[in-house]
Amino acid sequence: STAYPLLLFSTTYDPVCPLMSARSAKEAFEGSRIVEVKGYGHSSLAVPSLCVARHVRDYLYEGKLPDAHVQCEPD
């Protein structure tokens, strides 16, 4: 249990830390959520997406988590 739920970010096809690992982390940390950007590369920063940027901003500035797993399109 963490002091506040985690927001996890992943790409659909991450060769280093696959989406399956983000799903495992989500199960390990109560209340956490995943934001997935549909793309290739290691980390969500590898694929630019305004959708991801909005979720990062909402989490860091307001502590808001999405209601469920979110899939973002790349820009």
N, C-alpha and C. Protein backbone atom coordinates (compact mmCIF):
# COMPACT_ATOMS: atom_id res chain seq x y z
N SER A 1 0.84 -1.18 0.00
CA SER A 1 0.00 0.00 0.00
C SER A 1 0.89 1.25 0.00
N THR A 2 0.59 2.17 -0.89
CA THR A 2 1.35 3.42 -0.96
C THR A 2 0.51 4.54 -0.34
N ALA A 3 1.14 5.66 -0.04
CA ALA A 3 0.42 6.78 0.54
C ALA A 3 -0.63 7.32 -0.42
N TYR A 4 -0.37 7.22 -1.70
CA TYR A 4 -1.31 7.65 -2.72
C TYR A 4 -1.19 6.70 -3.90
N PRO A 5 -2.29 6.36 -4.57
CA PRO A 5 -2.22 5.42 -5.70
C PRO A 5 -1.27 5.90 -6.79
N LEU A 6 -0.61 4.95 -7.44
CA LEU A 6 0.35 5.26 -8.49
C LEU A 6 -0.34 5.38 -9.84
N LEU A 7 0.22 6.23 -10.70
CA LEU A 7 -0.19 6.29 -12.09
C LEU A 7 0.96 5.75 -12.90
N LEU A 8 0.73 4.64 -13.57
CA LEU A 8 1.76 3.93 -14.33
C LEU A 8 1.62 4.25 -15.81
N PHE A 9 2.75 4.44 -16.47
CA PHE A 9 2.75 4.74 -17.90
C PHE A 9 3.52 3.66 -18.65
N SER A 10 3.01 3.30 -19.83
CA SER A 10 3.68 2.29 -20.65
C SER A 10 3.29 2.50 -22.10
N THR A 11 4.10 1.94 -23.00
CA THR A 11 3.71 1.86 -24.40
C THR A 11 3.17 0.45 -24.64
N THR A 12 2.41 0.30 -25.70
CA THR A 12 1.84 -1.00 -26.02
C THR A 12 2.94 -2.02 -26.30
N TYR A 13 3.98 -1.59 -26.98
CA TYR A 13 5.07 -2.49 -27.38
C TYR A 13 6.40 -2.00 -26.85
N ASP A 14 6.57 -2.03 -25.55
CA ASP A 14 7.83 -1.63 -24.91
C ASP A 14 8.74 -2.85 -24.85
N PRO A 15 9.90 -2.82 -25.52
CA PRO A 15 10.77 -3.99 -25.54
C PRO A 15 11.53 -4.22 -24.23
N VAL A 16 11.64 -3.20 -23.38
CA VAL A 16 12.42 -3.31 -22.15
C VAL A 16 11.52 -3.65 -20.96
N CYS A 17 10.42 -2.96 -20.84
CA CYS A 17 9.47 -3.17 -19.74
C CYS A 17 8.09 -3.33 -20.37
N PRO A 18 7.72 -4.55 -20.75
CA PRO A 18 6.48 -4.75 -21.49
C PRO A 18 5.23 -4.33 -20.71
N LEU A 19 4.18 -4.09 -21.44
CA LEU A 19 2.90 -3.70 -20.85
C LEU A 19 2.47 -4.71 -19.79
N MET A 20 2.81 -5.96 -19.99
CA MET A 20 2.50 -7.00 -19.00
C MET A 20 3.11 -6.64 -17.64
N SER A 21 4.27 -6.02 -17.62
CA SER A 21 4.90 -5.62 -16.36
C SER A 21 4.14 -4.47 -15.71
N ALA A 22 3.63 -3.55 -16.52
CA ALA A 22 2.81 -2.46 -15.97
C ALA A 22 1.54 -3.04 -15.36
N ARG A 23 0.98 -4.04 -16.01
CA ARG A 23 -0.22 -4.68 -15.45
C ARG A 23 0.09 -5.38 -14.13
N SER A 24 1.25 -6.01 -14.05
CA SER A 24 1.66 -6.65 -12.78
C SER A 24 1.83 -5.61 -11.68
N ALA A 25 2.45 -4.48 -12.02
CA ALA A 25 2.63 -3.41 -11.03
C ALA A 25 1.29 -2.86 -10.59
N LYS A 26 0.35 -2.74 -11.53
CA LYS A 26 -0.98 -2.25 -11.18
C LYS A 26 -1.64 -3.17 -10.15
N GLU A 27 -1.48 -4.45 -10.33
CA GLU A 27 -2.06 -5.41 -9.38
C GLU A 27 -1.35 -5.36 -8.02
N ALA A 28 -0.06 -5.05 -8.04
CA ALA A 28 0.72 -5.03 -6.80
C ALA A 28 0.46 -3.79 -5.96
N PHE A 29 0.11 -2.68 -6.61
CA PHE A 29 -0.10 -1.41 -5.91
C PHE A 29 -1.57 -1.04 -5.93
N GLU A 30 -2.21 -1.18 -4.81
CA GLU A 30 -3.64 -0.95 -4.66
C GLU A 30 -4.07 0.42 -5.17
N GLY A 31 -5.12 0.43 -6.00
CA GLY A 31 -5.68 1.68 -6.49
C GLY A 31 -4.96 2.31 -7.66
N SER A 32 -3.88 1.69 -8.12
CA SER A 32 -3.10 2.29 -9.21
C SER A 32 -3.85 2.17 -10.55
N ARG A 33 -3.44 2.98 -11.51
CA ARG A 33 -4.02 2.99 -12.85
C ARG A 33 -2.90 3.00 -13.89
N ILE A 34 -3.25 2.57 -15.10
CA ILE A 34 -2.30 2.54 -16.21
C ILE A 34 -2.76 3.50 -17.30
N VAL A 35 -1.81 4.27 -17.82
CA VAL A 35 -2.03 5.05 -19.04
C VAL A 35 -1.08 4.44 -20.07
N GLU A 36 -1.67 3.90 -21.12
CA GLU A 36 -0.92 3.22 -22.18
C GLU A 36 -0.97 4.07 -23.43
N VAL A 37 0.18 4.31 -24.03
CA VAL A 37 0.20 4.99 -25.32
C VAL A 37 0.43 3.91 -26.38
N LYS A 38 -0.43 3.90 -27.38
CA LYS A 38 -0.38 2.87 -28.42
C LYS A 38 0.82 3.15 -29.33
N GLY A 39 1.91 2.46 -29.07
CA GLY A 39 3.10 2.68 -29.87
C GLY A 39 4.24 1.79 -29.45
N TYR A 40 5.38 2.03 -30.08
CA TYR A 40 6.59 1.25 -29.85
C TYR A 40 7.62 2.10 -29.14
N GLY A 41 8.51 1.45 -28.40
CA GLY A 41 9.60 2.16 -27.76
C GLY A 41 9.55 2.02 -26.26
N HIS A 42 10.68 2.32 -25.64
CA HIS A 42 10.79 2.19 -24.19
C HIS A 42 10.33 3.47 -23.52
N SER A 43 9.33 3.36 -22.73
CA SER A 43 8.70 4.41 -21.92
C SER A 43 7.70 5.21 -22.75
N SER A 44 6.75 5.77 -22.04
CA SER A 44 5.71 6.54 -22.72
C SER A 44 6.27 7.81 -23.35
N LEU A 45 7.45 8.26 -22.94
CA LEU A 45 8.06 9.45 -23.53
C LEU A 45 8.60 9.20 -24.93
N ALA A 46 8.73 7.90 -25.30
CA ALA A 46 9.24 7.55 -26.62
C ALA A 46 8.23 7.87 -27.72
N VAL A 47 6.96 7.99 -27.33
CA VAL A 47 5.90 8.24 -28.30
C VAL A 47 5.11 9.47 -27.85
N PRO A 48 5.34 10.62 -28.47
CA PRO A 48 4.65 11.85 -28.04
C PRO A 48 3.13 11.71 -28.13
N SER A 49 2.44 12.18 -27.10
CA SER A 49 0.99 12.10 -27.07
C SER A 49 0.44 13.17 -26.13
N LEU A 50 -0.42 14.03 -26.64
CA LEU A 50 -1.06 15.04 -25.79
C LEU A 50 -1.97 14.38 -24.76
N CYS A 51 -2.55 13.26 -25.12
CA CYS A 51 -3.40 12.51 -24.18
C CYS A 51 -2.59 12.11 -22.95
N VAL A 52 -1.40 11.57 -23.16
CA VAL A 52 -0.53 11.19 -22.04
C VAL A 52 -0.14 12.43 -21.24
N ALA A 53 0.22 13.50 -21.94
CA ALA A 53 0.62 14.74 -21.26
C ALA A 53 -0.50 15.26 -20.36
N ARG A 54 -1.75 15.16 -20.80
CA ARG A 54 -2.88 15.61 -19.99
C ARG A 54 -3.01 14.77 -18.72
N HIS A 55 -2.81 13.45 -18.85
CA HIS A 55 -2.91 12.59 -17.67
C HIS A 55 -1.76 12.85 -16.69
N VAL A 56 -0.57 13.11 -17.20
CA VAL A 56 0.56 13.46 -16.35
C VAL A 56 0.24 14.74 -15.58
N ARG A 57 -0.23 15.75 -16.30
CA ARG A 57 -0.57 17.04 -15.68
C ARG A 57 -1.65 16.87 -14.61
N ASP A 58 -2.71 16.15 -14.94
CA ASP A 58 -3.80 15.96 -13.98
C ASP A 58 -3.32 15.25 -12.72
N TYR A 59 -2.44 14.27 -12.89
CA TYR A 59 -1.93 13.52 -11.75
C TYR A 59 -1.00 14.37 -10.88
N LEU A 60 -0.06 15.06 -11.53
CA LEU A 60 0.92 15.83 -10.77
C LEU A 60 0.35 17.10 -10.16
N TYR A 61 -0.54 17.78 -10.86
CA TYR A 61 -1.08 19.04 -10.36
C TYR A 61 -2.28 18.88 -9.45
N GLU A 62 -3.13 17.87 -9.75
CA GLU A 62 -4.39 17.74 -9.02
C GLU A 62 -4.56 16.40 -8.31
N GLY A 63 -3.62 15.47 -8.51
CA GLY A 63 -3.73 14.16 -7.90
C GLY A 63 -4.83 13.30 -8.49
N LYS A 64 -5.29 13.65 -9.71
CA LYS A 64 -6.38 12.91 -10.35
C LYS A 64 -5.86 11.69 -11.09
N LEU A 65 -6.57 10.58 -10.90
CA LEU A 65 -6.30 9.35 -11.63
C LEU A 65 -7.45 9.08 -12.58
N PRO A 66 -7.17 8.44 -13.72
CA PRO A 66 -8.29 8.04 -14.58
C PRO A 66 -9.13 6.97 -13.86
N ASP A 67 -10.37 6.83 -14.28
CA ASP A 67 -11.26 5.85 -13.66
C ASP A 67 -10.84 4.41 -13.94
N ALA A 68 -10.18 4.20 -15.07
CA ALA A 68 -9.77 2.84 -15.49
C ALA A 68 -8.53 2.96 -16.35
N HIS A 69 -8.08 1.81 -16.86
CA HIS A 69 -6.96 1.76 -17.81
C HIS A 69 -7.31 2.66 -19.00
N VAL A 70 -6.36 3.51 -19.37
CA VAL A 70 -6.57 4.45 -20.48
C VAL A 70 -5.61 4.09 -21.61
N GLN A 71 -6.11 4.11 -22.84
CA GLN A 71 -5.26 3.95 -24.02
C GLN A 71 -5.25 5.27 -24.79
N CYS A 72 -4.05 5.81 -24.99
CA CYS A 72 -3.88 7.07 -25.70
C CYS A 72 -3.30 6.80 -27.09
N GLU A 73 -3.75 7.57 -28.04
CA GLU A 73 -3.18 7.50 -29.39
C GLU A 73 -1.94 8.39 -29.44
N PRO A 74 -0.94 8.00 -30.23
CA PRO A 74 0.22 8.88 -30.42
C PRO A 74 -0.16 10.06 -31.31
N ASP A 75 0.57 11.15 -31.18
CA ASP A 75 0.33 12.31 -32.03
C ASP A 75 1.25 12.27 -33.23
